[in-house]
Amino acid sequence: MVYGAGLRLDKWLWFARLAKSRSAAQDLCESRRLRIDGRVIDRASALVRAGSVLSFPRDDDVIVVRVEGLADRRGPYEEARHLYTDLSQRSPMRAQALTTVSASF
C-alpha cells in the first residue's frame, strides 16, 4: 500500500475493485454521481487521498466508503478490500440478503 499524496480516482476505484474496469471507473467519475467528501466529481483525474470519503449510487444502494490506503497495482480481492472501509447504510433486508449470499460461497 502506498501512503503518498494521492492517486487518480478512476485508478483507485479500479484498484479497490469497486469498478469492473478502468473505463467503467472513468464513466462513473464523469457522470457527476460520485462525491469525495461531499464534493461532486466530474473528472476521472480527481485525486483521492487516504481519509477521503467517497459516495456513489450502485443499483438500489448508495455506496459510502472511507479510503484507507492507496495501491500501486490492482491486486486480488483480499488485498483490495484493505484499501477502504465500507460505511454504507443498507436496509436490514438488503444486508441480510448480502450476508446470506456471502455465506453460501
C-alpha atoms as a PDB file:
ATOM      1  CA  MET A   1       0.000   0.000   0.000  1.00  0.00           C
ATOM      2  CA  VAL A   2       1.170   3.494  -0.815  1.00  0.00           C
ATOM      3  CA  TYR A   3       0.501   6.357   1.599  1.00  0.00           C
ATOM      4  CA  GLY A   4       1.585   9.179  -0.714  1.00  0.00           C
ATOM      5  CA  ALA A   5      -0.111  12.402  -1.681  1.00  0.00           C
ATOM      6  CA  GLY A   6      -2.868  10.989  -3.843  1.00  0.00           C
ATOM      7  CA  LEU A   7      -3.981   8.777  -6.706  1.00  0.00           C
ATOM      8  CA  ARG A   8      -6.289   9.350  -9.661  1.00  0.00           C
ATOM      9  CA  LEU A   9      -9.824   8.499  -8.611  1.00  0.00           C
ATOM     10  CA  ASP A  10     -10.537   6.218 -11.585  1.00  0.00           C
ATOM     11  CA  LYS A  11      -7.392   4.186 -10.886  1.00  0.00           C
ATOM     12  CA  TRP A  12      -8.211   3.911  -7.192  1.00  0.00           C
ATOM     13  CA  LEU A  13     -11.775   2.696  -7.900  1.00  0.00           C
ATOM     14  CA  TRP A  14     -10.391   0.060 -10.250  1.00  0.00           C
ATOM     15  CA  PHE A  15      -7.552  -0.973  -7.906  1.00  0.00           C
ATOM     16  CA  ALA A  16     -10.033  -1.247  -4.990  1.00  0.00           C
ATOM     17  CA  ARG A  17     -12.311  -3.404  -7.177  1.00  0.00           C
ATOM     18  CA  LEU A  18     -15.248  -1.017  -6.804  1.00  0.00           C
ATOM     19  CA  ALA A  19     -15.400  -0.756 -10.612  1.00  0.00           C
ATOM     20  CA  LYS A  20     -15.199  -3.710 -13.006  1.00  0.00           C
ATOM     21  CA  SER A  21     -12.935  -1.922 -15.465  1.00  0.00           C
ATOM     22  CA  ARG A  22     -10.914   1.255 -15.692  1.00  0.00           C
ATOM     23  CA  SER A  23     -13.304   2.622 -18.327  1.00  0.00           C
ATOM     24  CA  ALA A  24     -16.283   1.888 -16.039  1.00  0.00           C
ATOM     25  CA  ALA A  25     -14.474   3.812 -13.286  1.00  0.00           C
ATOM     26  CA  GLN A  26     -13.874   6.734 -15.665  1.00  0.00           C
ATOM     27  CA  ASP A  27     -17.548   6.734 -16.687  1.00  0.00           C
ATOM     28  CA  LEU A  28     -18.639   6.789 -13.035  1.00  0.00           C
ATOM     29  CA  CYS A  29     -16.300   9.700 -12.280  1.00  0.00           C
ATOM     30  CA  GLU A  30     -17.536  11.719 -15.257  1.00  0.00           C
ATOM     31  CA  SER A  31     -21.228  11.004 -14.542  1.00  0.00           C
ATOM     32  CA  ARG A  32     -21.329  13.589 -11.712  1.00  0.00           C
ATOM     33  CA  ARG A  33     -22.878  10.938  -9.435  1.00  0.00           C
ATOM     34  CA  LEU A  34     -19.741  10.364  -7.354  1.00  0.00           C
ATOM     35  CA  ARG A  35     -18.711  12.565  -4.430  1.00  0.00           C
ATOM     36  CA  ILE A  36     -15.476  12.937  -2.495  1.00  0.00           C
ATOM     37  CA  ASP A  37     -16.071  14.382   0.964  1.00  0.00           C
ATOM     38  CA  GLY A  38     -19.424  15.729  -0.253  1.00  0.00           C
ATOM     39  CA  ARG A  39     -17.959  17.458  -3.320  1.00  0.00           C
ATOM     40  CA  VAL A  40     -19.408  16.409  -6.697  1.00  0.00           C
ATOM     41  CA  ILE A  41     -16.742  14.980  -9.011  1.00  0.00           C
ATOM     42  CA  ASP A  42     -16.883  15.393 -12.782  1.00  0.00           C
ATOM     43  CA  ARG A  43     -13.460  14.191 -13.867  1.00  0.00           C
ATOM     44  CA  ALA A  44     -11.583  10.906 -13.569  1.00  0.00           C
ATOM     45  CA  SER A  45      -8.316  12.673 -12.790  1.00  0.00           C
ATOM     46  CA  ALA A  46      -9.526  13.992  -9.416  1.00  0.00           C
ATOM     47  CA  LEU A  47      -7.119  12.963  -6.652  1.00  0.00           C
ATOM     48  CA  VAL A  48      -8.199  10.692  -3.833  1.00  0.00           C
ATOM     49  CA  ARG A  49      -6.244  10.512  -0.570  1.00  0.00           C
ATOM     50  CA  ALA A  50      -6.292   8.298   2.496  1.00  0.00           C
ATOM     51  CA  GLY A  51      -9.086   9.515   4.776  1.00  0.00           C
ATOM     52  CA  SER A  52     -11.348  10.709   1.935  1.00  0.00           C
ATOM     53  CA  VAL A  53     -14.968   9.558   1.978  1.00  0.00           C
ATOM     54  CA  LEU A  54     -16.452   8.512  -1.372  1.00  0.00           C
ATOM     55  CA  SER A  55     -20.144   8.046  -2.090  1.00  0.00           C
ATOM     56  CA  PHE A  56     -21.905   6.894  -5.252  1.00  0.00           C
ATOM     57  CA  PRO A  57     -25.073   5.037  -6.263  1.00  0.00           C
ATOM     58  CA  ARG A  58     -24.991   1.366  -7.266  1.00  0.00           C
ATOM     59  CA  ASP A  59     -28.243  -0.406  -8.140  1.00  0.00           C
ATOM     60  CA  ASP A  60     -30.684   0.396  -5.307  1.00  0.00           C
ATOM     61  CA  ASP A  61     -27.984   1.287  -2.760  1.00  0.00           C
ATOM     62  CA  VAL A  62     -25.690   4.200  -2.080  1.00  0.00           C
ATOM     63  CA  ILE A  63     -22.144   3.009  -1.536  1.00  0.00           C
ATOM     64  CA  VAL A  64     -20.152   5.006   1.030  1.00  0.00           C
ATOM     65  CA  VAL A  65     -16.512   4.109   1.678  1.00  0.00           C
ATOM     66  CA  ARG A  66     -13.612   5.714   3.526  1.00  0.00           C
ATOM     67  CA  VAL A  67     -10.275   5.427   1.721  1.00  0.00           C
ATOM     68  CA  GLU A  68      -7.777   3.670   3.991  1.00  0.00           C
ATOM     69  CA  GLY A  69      -4.863   3.431   1.582  1.00  0.00           C
ATOM     70  CA  LEU A  70      -3.620   3.769  -1.961  1.00  0.00           C
ATOM     71  CA  ALA A  71      -2.288   0.947  -4.094  1.00  0.00           C
ATOM     72  CA  ASP A  72       0.219   0.814  -6.914  1.00  0.00           C
ATOM     73  CA  ARG A  73      -1.496  -2.072  -8.736  1.00  0.00           C
ATOM     74  CA  ARG A  74      -4.781  -3.973  -8.986  1.00  0.00           C
ATOM     75  CA  GLY A  75      -4.347  -6.981  -6.749  1.00  0.00           C
ATOM     76  CA  PRO A  76      -6.625  -9.789  -5.620  1.00  0.00           C
ATOM     77  CA  TYR A  77      -9.859  -9.042  -3.740  1.00  0.00           C
ATOM     78  CA  GLU A  78      -8.323  -9.810  -0.327  1.00  0.00           C
ATOM     79  CA  GLU A  79      -5.660  -7.171  -0.958  1.00  0.00           C
ATOM     80  CA  ALA A  80      -8.065  -4.638  -2.486  1.00  0.00           C
ATOM     81  CA  ARG A  81     -10.501  -4.945   0.428  1.00  0.00           C
ATOM     82  CA  HIS A  82      -7.912  -3.344   2.734  1.00  0.00           C
ATOM     83  CA  LEU A  83      -7.926  -0.139   0.663  1.00  0.00           C
ATOM     84  CA  TYR A  84     -11.282   1.019   2.077  1.00  0.00           C
ATOM     85  CA  THR A  85     -13.794   0.721   4.908  1.00  0.00           C
ATOM     86  CA  ASP A  86     -17.435   0.284   3.928  1.00  0.00           C
ATOM     87  CA  LEU A  87     -19.593   2.910   5.682  1.00  0.00           C
ATOM     88  CA  SER A  88     -22.779   2.195   3.693  1.00  0.00           C
ATOM     89  CA  GLN A  89     -26.104   2.181   5.488  1.00  0.00           C
ATOM     90  CA  ARG A  90     -28.006  -0.699   3.940  1.00  0.00           C
ATOM     91  CA  SER A  91     -31.553  -1.651   4.760  1.00  0.00           C
ATOM     92  CA  PRO A  92     -31.730  -4.664   7.143  1.00  0.00           C
ATOM     93  CA  MET A  93     -33.371  -6.833   4.477  1.00  0.00           C
ATOM     94  CA  ARG A  94     -30.689  -5.946   1.891  1.00  0.00           C
ATOM     95  CA  ALA A  95     -27.881  -6.531   4.415  1.00  0.00           C
ATOM     96  CA  GLN A  96     -29.360  -9.922   5.335  1.00  0.00           C
ATOM     97  CA  ALA A  97     -29.606 -10.884   1.654  1.00  0.00           C
ATOM     98  CA  LEU A  98     -25.939  -9.954   1.139  1.00  0.00           C
ATOM     99  CA  THR A  99     -24.906 -11.978   4.208  1.00  0.00           C
ATOM    100  CA  THR A 100     -26.893 -14.998   3.001  1.00  0.00           C
ATOM    101  CA  VAL A 101     -25.271 -14.816  -0.435  1.00  0.00           C
ATOM    102  CA  SER A 102     -21.783 -14.425   1.081  1.00  0.00           C
ATOM    103  CA  ALA A 103     -22.300 -17.379   3.405  1.00  0.00           C
ATOM    104  CA  SER A 104     -23.240 -19.670   0.534  1.00  0.00           C
ATOM    105  CA  PHE A 105     -19.834 -19.278  -1.170  1.00  0.00           C
END
